[in-house]
Amino acid sequence: MTFTVAIDGPAAAGKGTISRGVAAKFGFEHLDTGLLYRATGRRVLRGDDPVTAAGALQPEDLLGDDLRSGEVAQAASRVAAIPAVRAALVEFQRAFARRAGGAVLDGRDIGTVICPDADVKLYVTASDDVRAERRFQELRAAGADVTLQSVLADLAERDARDAGRDTAPTKQAEDAFLLDTSGMTIEAALAKAVQVVGAVYSSGG
């Protein structure tokens, strides 16, 4: 049986944590599609051509703490705006979504482009200030020397680029459930997501 959950949203809204939690709850496999673009961006920073880098990705490319760095995040956002890069990664994501036993994919265009027929779609978001504070705390905990203002500016730049690109811009699918986590604990947000997914899953899709 296949069952696909598509979870989209901007950076630091909580979609990654929610996606992992939903996958664990239902025994589904999880793919953070942002890692594909981060891994491609990291290869580009090392001198590779973006399209060549996307087509040559290996499982080991998705490993490494530096994938979460601000420099790699910006590179990922830049390569994600290249149509040929997105095209090179589409089939990888769609094949993952079709795997038996269920799959959760999170990203920015899963419900709109990659899996428009997903069984459940969620769009996870939060206010700019809340997202910036979350990412700031995350980066500081990792030892990064950043300010809240620089993190907020970085998120604003990425949001504008991701929402404004011609190919697969970040947006909520018309049939996606909107989950605003601004005033929620992660436990409450995950519980709501599980409730939404569970209602469909228990009914057989």
C-alpha atoms as a PDB file:
ATOM      1  CA  MET A   1       0.000   0.000   0.000  1.00  0.00           C
ATOM      2  CA  THR A   2       1.181   3.494  -0.802  1.00  0.00           C
ATOM      3  CA  PHE A   3       0.154   6.517   1.249  1.00  0.00           C
ATOM      4  CA  THR A   4       1.792   9.857   0.642  1.00  0.00           C
ATOM      5  CA  VAL A   5       1.910  12.820   3.009  1.00  0.00           C
ATOM      6  CA  ALA A   6       3.147  16.114   1.528  1.00  0.00           C
ATOM      7  CA  ILE A   7       4.300  18.762   4.006  1.00  0.00           C
ATOM      8  CA  ASP A   8       5.351  22.168   2.732  1.00  0.00           C
ATOM      9  CA  GLY A   9       6.229  25.506   4.263  1.00  0.00           C
ATOM     10  CA  PRO A  10       8.947  28.117   4.721  1.00  0.00           C
ATOM     11  CA  ALA A  11      12.156  27.623   6.683  1.00  0.00           C
ATOM     12  CA  ALA A  12      12.000  27.264  10.481  1.00  0.00           C
ATOM     13  CA  ALA A  13       8.228  26.857  10.583  1.00  0.00           C
ATOM     14  CA  GLY A  14       8.554  23.405  12.127  1.00  0.00           C
ATOM     15  CA  LYS A  15       7.774  21.264   9.103  1.00  0.00           C
ATOM     16  CA  GLY A  16      10.865  19.094   9.473  1.00  0.00           C
ATOM     17  CA  THR A  17      10.159  18.178  13.085  1.00  0.00           C
ATOM     18  CA  ILE A  18       6.487  17.620  12.317  1.00  0.00           C
ATOM     19  CA  SER A  19       7.326  15.484   9.283  1.00  0.00           C
ATOM     20  CA  ARG A  20       9.673  13.265  11.252  1.00  0.00           C
ATOM     21  CA  GLY A  21       7.085  12.934  14.009  1.00  0.00           C
ATOM     22  CA  VAL A  22       4.281  12.015  11.609  1.00  0.00           C
ATOM     23  CA  ALA A  23       6.495   9.457   9.888  1.00  0.00           C
ATOM     24  CA  ALA A  24       7.434   7.879  13.226  1.00  0.00           C
ATOM     25  CA  LYS A  25       3.810   7.805  14.415  1.00  0.00           C
ATOM     26  CA  PHE A  26       2.521   5.944  11.369  1.00  0.00           C
ATOM     27  CA  GLY A  27       5.629   3.946  10.497  1.00  0.00           C
ATOM     28  CA  PHE A  28       6.195   5.809   7.215  1.00  0.00           C
ATOM     29  CA  GLU A  29       9.527   6.610   5.594  1.00  0.00           C
ATOM     30  CA  HIS A  30      10.569  10.272   5.672  1.00  0.00           C
ATOM     31  CA  LEU A  31      12.428  12.403   3.145  1.00  0.00           C
ATOM     32  CA  ASP A  32      13.577  15.936   3.895  1.00  0.00           C
ATOM     33  CA  THR A  33      13.707  17.093   0.288  1.00  0.00           C
ATOM     34  CA  GLY A  34      15.495  20.256   1.344  1.00  0.00           C
ATOM     35  CA  LEU A  35      18.568  18.090   1.948  1.00  0.00           C
ATOM     36  CA  LEU A  36      18.679  17.304  -1.777  1.00  0.00           C
ATOM     37  CA  TYR A  37      18.998  20.997  -2.559  1.00  0.00           C
ATOM     38  CA  ARG A  38      21.380  21.609   0.322  1.00  0.00           C
ATOM     39  CA  ALA A  39      23.592  18.747  -0.859  1.00  0.00           C
ATOM     40  CA  THR A  40      23.512  20.164  -4.386  1.00  0.00           C
ATOM     41  CA  GLY A  41      24.318  23.629  -3.039  1.00  0.00           C
ATOM     42  CA  ARG A  42      27.238  22.254  -1.056  1.00  0.00           C
ATOM     43  CA  ARG A  43      28.635  20.621  -4.190  1.00  0.00           C
ATOM     44  CA  VAL A  44      28.283  23.934  -6.034  1.00  0.00           C
ATOM     45  CA  LEU A  45      30.154  25.738  -3.264  1.00  0.00           C
ATOM     46  CA  ARG A  46      32.929  23.235  -3.837  1.00  0.00           C
ATOM     47  CA  GLY A  47      33.055  24.117  -7.522  1.00  0.00           C
ATOM     48  CA  ASP A  48      30.580  21.784  -9.241  1.00  0.00           C
ATOM     49  CA  ASP A  49      28.098  22.835 -11.906  1.00  0.00           C
ATOM     50  CA  PRO A  50      24.580  22.986 -10.361  1.00  0.00           C
ATOM     51  CA  VAL A  51      22.834  20.650 -12.828  1.00  0.00           C
ATOM     52  CA  THR A  52      25.718  18.190 -12.854  1.00  0.00           C
ATOM     53  CA  ALA A  53      25.773  18.252  -9.055  1.00  0.00           C
ATOM     54  CA  ALA A  54      22.041  17.510  -8.826  1.00  0.00           C
ATOM     55  CA  GLY A  55      22.292  14.597 -11.223  1.00  0.00           C
ATOM     56  CA  ALA A  56      25.269  13.085  -9.432  1.00  0.00           C
ATOM     57  CA  LEU A  57      23.898  13.086  -5.872  1.00  0.00           C
ATOM     58  CA  GLN A  58      24.647   9.982  -3.819  1.00  0.00           C
ATOM     59  CA  PRO A  59      23.114   8.915  -0.470  1.00  0.00           C
ATOM     60  CA  GLU A  60      26.295   9.941   1.337  1.00  0.00           C
ATOM     61  CA  ASP A  61      25.839  13.487   0.015  1.00  0.00           C
ATOM     62  CA  LEU A  62      22.861  13.848   2.356  1.00  0.00           C
ATOM     63  CA  LEU A  63      25.097  13.467   5.409  1.00  0.00           C
ATOM     64  CA  GLY A  64      27.150  16.046   7.279  1.00  0.00           C
ATOM     65  CA  ASP A  65      26.480  18.734   9.854  1.00  0.00           C
ATOM     66  CA  ASP A  66      27.547  21.453   7.427  1.00  0.00           C
ATOM     67  CA  LEU A  67      24.358  20.887   5.408  1.00  0.00           C
ATOM     68  CA  ARG A  68      22.619  23.000   8.068  1.00  0.00           C
ATOM     69  CA  SER A  69      24.983  25.951   7.780  1.00  0.00           C
ATOM     70  CA  GLY A  70      23.741  29.334   6.642  1.00  0.00           C
ATOM     71  CA  GLU A  71      26.128  29.353   3.671  1.00  0.00           C
ATOM     72  CA  VAL A  72      24.818  26.026   2.397  1.00  0.00           C
ATOM     73  CA  ALA A  73      21.208  27.127   3.001  1.00  0.00           C
ATOM     74  CA  GLN A  74      21.711  30.177   0.797  1.00  0.00           C
ATOM     75  CA  ALA A  75      23.401  28.070  -1.886  1.00  0.00           C
ATOM     76  CA  ALA A  76      20.500  25.617  -1.722  1.00  0.00           C
ATOM     77  CA  SER A  77      17.988  28.404  -2.236  1.00  0.00           C
ATOM     78  CA  ARG A  78      19.940  29.660  -5.253  1.00  0.00           C
ATOM     79  CA  VAL A  79      20.244  26.269  -6.971  1.00  0.00           C
ATOM     80  CA  ALA A  80      16.579  25.509  -6.205  1.00  0.00           C
ATOM     81  CA  ALA A  81      15.647  28.415  -8.469  1.00  0.00           C
ATOM     82  CA  ILE A  82      17.288  26.690 -11.445  1.00  0.00           C
ATOM     83  CA  PRO A  83      14.632  24.723 -13.409  1.00  0.00           C
ATOM     84  CA  ALA A  84      17.105  22.099 -14.645  1.00  0.00           C
ATOM     85  CA  VAL A  85      18.219  21.367 -11.081  1.00  0.00           C
ATOM     86  CA  ARG A  86      14.635  20.864  -9.930  1.00  0.00           C
ATOM     87  CA  ALA A  87      13.941  18.638 -12.933  1.00  0.00           C
ATOM     88  CA  ALA A  88      16.959  16.473 -12.100  1.00  0.00           C
ATOM     89  CA  LEU A  89      15.625  15.855  -8.588  1.00  0.00           C
ATOM     90  CA  VAL A  90      11.916  15.393  -9.350  1.00  0.00           C
ATOM     91  CA  GLU A  91      11.916  11.672 -10.169  1.00  0.00           C
ATOM     92  CA  PHE A  92      14.015  10.848  -7.101  1.00  0.00           C
ATOM     93  CA  GLN A  93      11.363  12.461  -4.929  1.00  0.00           C
ATOM     94  CA  ARG A  94       8.397  10.940  -6.756  1.00  0.00           C
ATOM     95  CA  ALA A  95       9.892   7.464  -6.573  1.00  0.00           C
ATOM     96  CA  PHE A  96      10.353   7.909  -2.831  1.00  0.00           C
ATOM     97  CA  ALA A  97       6.726   9.027  -2.485  1.00  0.00           C
ATOM     98  CA  ARG A  98       5.490   5.855  -4.211  1.00  0.00           C
ATOM     99  CA  ARG A  99       7.323   3.437  -1.950  1.00  0.00           C
ATOM    100  CA  ALA A 100       5.248   0.775  -0.261  1.00  0.00           C
ATOM    101  CA  GLY A 101       4.376   1.315   3.371  1.00  0.00           C
ATOM    102  CA  GLY A 102       3.818   5.056   3.238  1.00  0.00           C
ATOM    103  CA  ALA A 103       6.009   8.121   2.845  1.00  0.00           C
ATOM    104  CA  VAL A 104       6.243  11.628   4.250  1.00  0.00           C
ATOM    105  CA  LEU A 105       8.025  14.232   2.148  1.00  0.00           C
ATOM    106  CA  ASP A 106       8.667  17.758   3.335  1.00  0.00           C
ATOM    107  CA  GLY A 107       9.844  20.685   1.285  1.00  0.00           C
ATOM    108  CA  ARG A 108       8.445  23.705  -0.515  1.00  0.00           C
ATOM    109  CA  ASP A 109       6.715  22.279  -3.580  1.00  0.00           C
ATOM    110  CA  ILE A 110       5.713  18.760  -2.555  1.00  0.00           C
ATOM    111  CA  GLY A 111       1.952  19.290  -2.543  1.00  0.00           C
ATOM    112  CA  THR A 112       1.943  21.565  -5.581  1.00  0.00           C
ATOM    113  CA  VAL A 113       4.487  19.982  -7.946  1.00  0.00           C
ATOM    114  CA  ILE A 114       6.126  16.778  -6.722  1.00  0.00           C
ATOM    115  CA  CYS A 115       3.067  14.995  -5.325  1.00  0.00           C
ATOM    116  CA  PRO A 116      -0.056  16.940  -6.365  1.00  0.00           C
ATOM    117  CA  ASP A 117      -2.114  13.787  -5.731  1.00  0.00           C
ATOM    118  CA  ALA A 118      -0.760  13.167  -2.220  1.00  0.00           C
ATOM    119  CA  ASP A 119      -3.252  11.576   0.160  1.00  0.00           C
ATOM    120  CA  VAL A 120      -2.706  14.346   2.733  1.00  0.00           C
ATOM    121  CA  LYS A 121      -1.194  17.801   2.295  1.00  0.00           C
ATOM    122  CA  LEU A 122      -0.123  20.121   5.083  1.00  0.00           C
ATOM    123  CA  TYR A 123       1.261  23.635   4.814  1.00  0.00           C
ATOM    124  CA  VAL A 124       3.212  24.468   7.967  1.00  0.00           C
ATOM    125  CA  THR A 125       4.009  28.112   8.611  1.00  0.00           C
ATOM    126  CA  ALA A 126       4.711  30.636  11.373  1.00  0.00           C
ATOM    127  CA  SER A 127       5.294  34.364  11.687  1.00  0.00           C
ATOM    128  CA  ASP A 128       8.620  35.791  10.521  1.00  0.00           C
ATOM    129  CA  ASP A 129       9.646  36.750  14.059  1.00  0.00           C
ATOM    130  CA  VAL A 130       8.872  33.324  15.465  1.00  0.00           C
ATOM    131  CA  ARG A 131      10.730  31.552  12.682  1.00  0.00           C
ATOM    132  CA  ALA A 132      13.745  33.811  13.049  1.00  0.00           C
ATOM    133  CA  GLU A 133      13.902  33.223  16.807  1.00  0.00           C
ATOM    134  CA  ARG A 134      13.700  29.452  16.301  1.00  0.00           C
ATOM    135  CA  ARG A 135      16.452  29.421  13.686  1.00  0.00           C
ATOM    136  CA  PHE A 136      18.579  31.815  15.776  1.00  0.00           C
ATOM    137  CA  GLN A 137      18.401  29.494  18.792  1.00  0.00           C
ATOM    138  CA  GLU A 138      19.158  26.491  16.600  1.00  0.00           C
ATOM    139  CA  LEU A 139      22.222  28.125  15.042  1.00  0.00           C
ATOM    140  CA  ARG A 140      23.515  29.436  18.361  1.00  0.00           C
ATOM    141  CA  ALA A 141      23.176  25.969  19.870  1.00  0.00           C
ATOM    142  CA  ALA A 142      25.283  24.674  16.997  1.00  0.00           C
ATOM    143  CA  GLY A 143      27.967  27.233  17.790  1.00  0.00           C
ATOM    144  CA  ALA A 144      27.278  29.682  14.970  1.00  0.00           C
ATOM    145  CA  ASP A 145      28.195  33.342  15.512  1.00  0.00           C
ATOM    146  CA  VAL A 146      24.983  35.028  14.343  1.00  0.00           C
ATOM    147  CA  THR A 147      22.600  37.758  15.449  1.00  0.00           C
ATOM    148  CA  LEU A 148      18.830  37.603  15.498  1.00  0.00           C
ATOM    149  CA  GLN A 149      18.736  40.464  12.998  1.00  0.00           C
ATOM    150  CA  SER A 150      21.008  38.653  10.543  1.00  0.00           C
ATOM    151  CA  VAL A 151      18.940  35.480  10.815  1.00  0.00           C
ATOM    152  CA  LEU A 152      15.722  37.413  10.192  1.00  0.00           C
ATOM    153  CA  ALA A 153      17.276  39.076   7.137  1.00  0.00           C
ATOM    154  CA  ASP A 154      18.523  35.720   5.861  1.00  0.00           C
ATOM    155  CA  LEU A 155      15.059  34.167   6.184  1.00  0.00           C
ATOM    156  CA  ALA A 156      13.444  37.135   4.447  1.00  0.00           C
ATOM    157  CA  GLU A 157      15.880  36.816   1.542  1.00  0.00           C
ATOM    158  CA  ARG A 158      15.251  33.086   1.202  1.00  0.00           C
ATOM    159  CA  ASP A 159      11.477  33.513   1.476  1.00  0.00           C
ATOM    160  CA  ALA A 160      11.472  36.103  -1.297  1.00  0.00           C
ATOM    161  CA  ARG A 161      13.627  33.961  -3.567  1.00  0.00           C
ATOM    162  CA  ASP A 162      11.655  30.755  -2.895  1.00  0.00           C
ATOM    163  CA  ALA A 163       8.250  32.395  -3.342  1.00  0.00           C
ATOM    164  CA  GLY A 164       9.300  34.473  -6.338  1.00  0.00           C
ATOM    165  CA  ARG A 165      11.019  31.885  -8.518  1.00  0.00           C
ATOM    166  CA  ASP A 166       9.355  31.004 -11.809  1.00  0.00           C
ATOM    167  CA  THR A 167       9.644  27.252 -11.320  1.00  0.00           C
ATOM    168  CA  ALA A 168       7.759  25.628  -8.424  1.00  0.00           C
ATOM    169  CA  PRO A 169       7.529  28.637  -6.107  1.00  0.00           C
ATOM    170  CA  THR A 170       6.806  28.041  -2.435  1.00  0.00           C
ATOM    171  CA  LYS A 171       3.064  28.265  -1.883  1.00  0.00           C
ATOM    172  CA  GLN A 172       0.215  26.490  -0.167  1.00  0.00           C
ATOM    173  CA  ALA A 173      -1.623  23.914  -2.269  1.00  0.00           C
ATOM    174  CA  GLU A 174      -5.312  24.736  -2.541  1.00  0.00           C
ATOM    175  CA  ASP A 175      -6.275  21.474  -0.812  1.00  0.00           C
ATOM    176  CA  ALA A 176      -3.605  21.624   1.908  1.00  0.00           C
ATOM    177  CA  PHE A 177      -4.427  21.954   5.597  1.00  0.00           C
ATOM    178  CA  LEU A 178      -2.890  25.158   6.956  1.00  0.00           C
ATOM    179  CA  LEU A 179      -1.023  24.663  10.231  1.00  0.00           C
ATOM    180  CA  ASP A 180       0.253  27.918  11.743  1.00  0.00           C
ATOM    181  CA  THR A 181       2.664  26.991  14.536  1.00  0.00           C
ATOM    182  CA  SER A 182       3.383  30.555  15.706  1.00  0.00           C
ATOM    183  CA  GLY A 183       1.676  30.177  19.066  1.00  0.00           C
ATOM    184  CA  MET A 184       1.987  26.412  19.425  1.00  0.00           C
ATOM    185  CA  THR A 185       4.419  24.132  21.195  1.00  0.00           C
ATOM    186  CA  ILE A 186       5.991  21.535  18.933  1.00  0.00           C
ATOM    187  CA  GLU A 187       4.034  18.876  20.825  1.00  0.00           C
ATOM    188  CA  ALA A 188       0.722  20.605  20.070  1.00  0.00           C
ATOM    189  CA  ALA A 189       1.641  21.190  16.430  1.00  0.00           C
ATOM    190  CA  LEU A 190       2.660  17.558  15.965  1.00  0.00           C
ATOM    191  CA  ALA A 191      -0.522  16.353  17.660  1.00  0.00           C
ATOM    192  CA  LYS A 192      -2.610  18.419  15.247  1.00  0.00           C
ATOM    193  CA  ALA A 193      -0.694  17.119  12.240  1.00  0.00           C
ATOM    194  CA  VAL A 194      -1.113  13.530  13.428  1.00  0.00           C
ATOM    195  CA  GLN A 195      -4.837  14.156  13.864  1.00  0.00           C
ATOM    196  CA  VAL A 196      -5.170  15.481  10.300  1.00  0.00           C
ATOM    197  CA  VAL A 197      -3.159  12.631   8.769  1.00  0.00           C
ATOM    198  CA  GLY A 198      -4.805  10.000  10.946  1.00  0.00           C
ATOM    199  CA  ALA A 199      -8.316  11.040   9.909  1.00  0.00           C
ATOM    200  CA  VAL A 200      -7.494  10.303   6.278  1.00  0.00           C
ATOM    201  CA  TYR A 201      -5.282   7.274   6.896  1.00  0.00           C
ATOM    202  CA  SER A 202      -7.849   5.520   9.074  1.00  0.00           C
ATOM    203  CA  SER A 203     -10.495   5.991   6.408  1.00  0.00           C
ATOM    204  CA  GLY A 204      -8.314   4.219   3.863  1.00  0.00           C
ATOM    205  CA  GLY A 205      -7.172   7.385   2.077  1.00  0.00           C
END
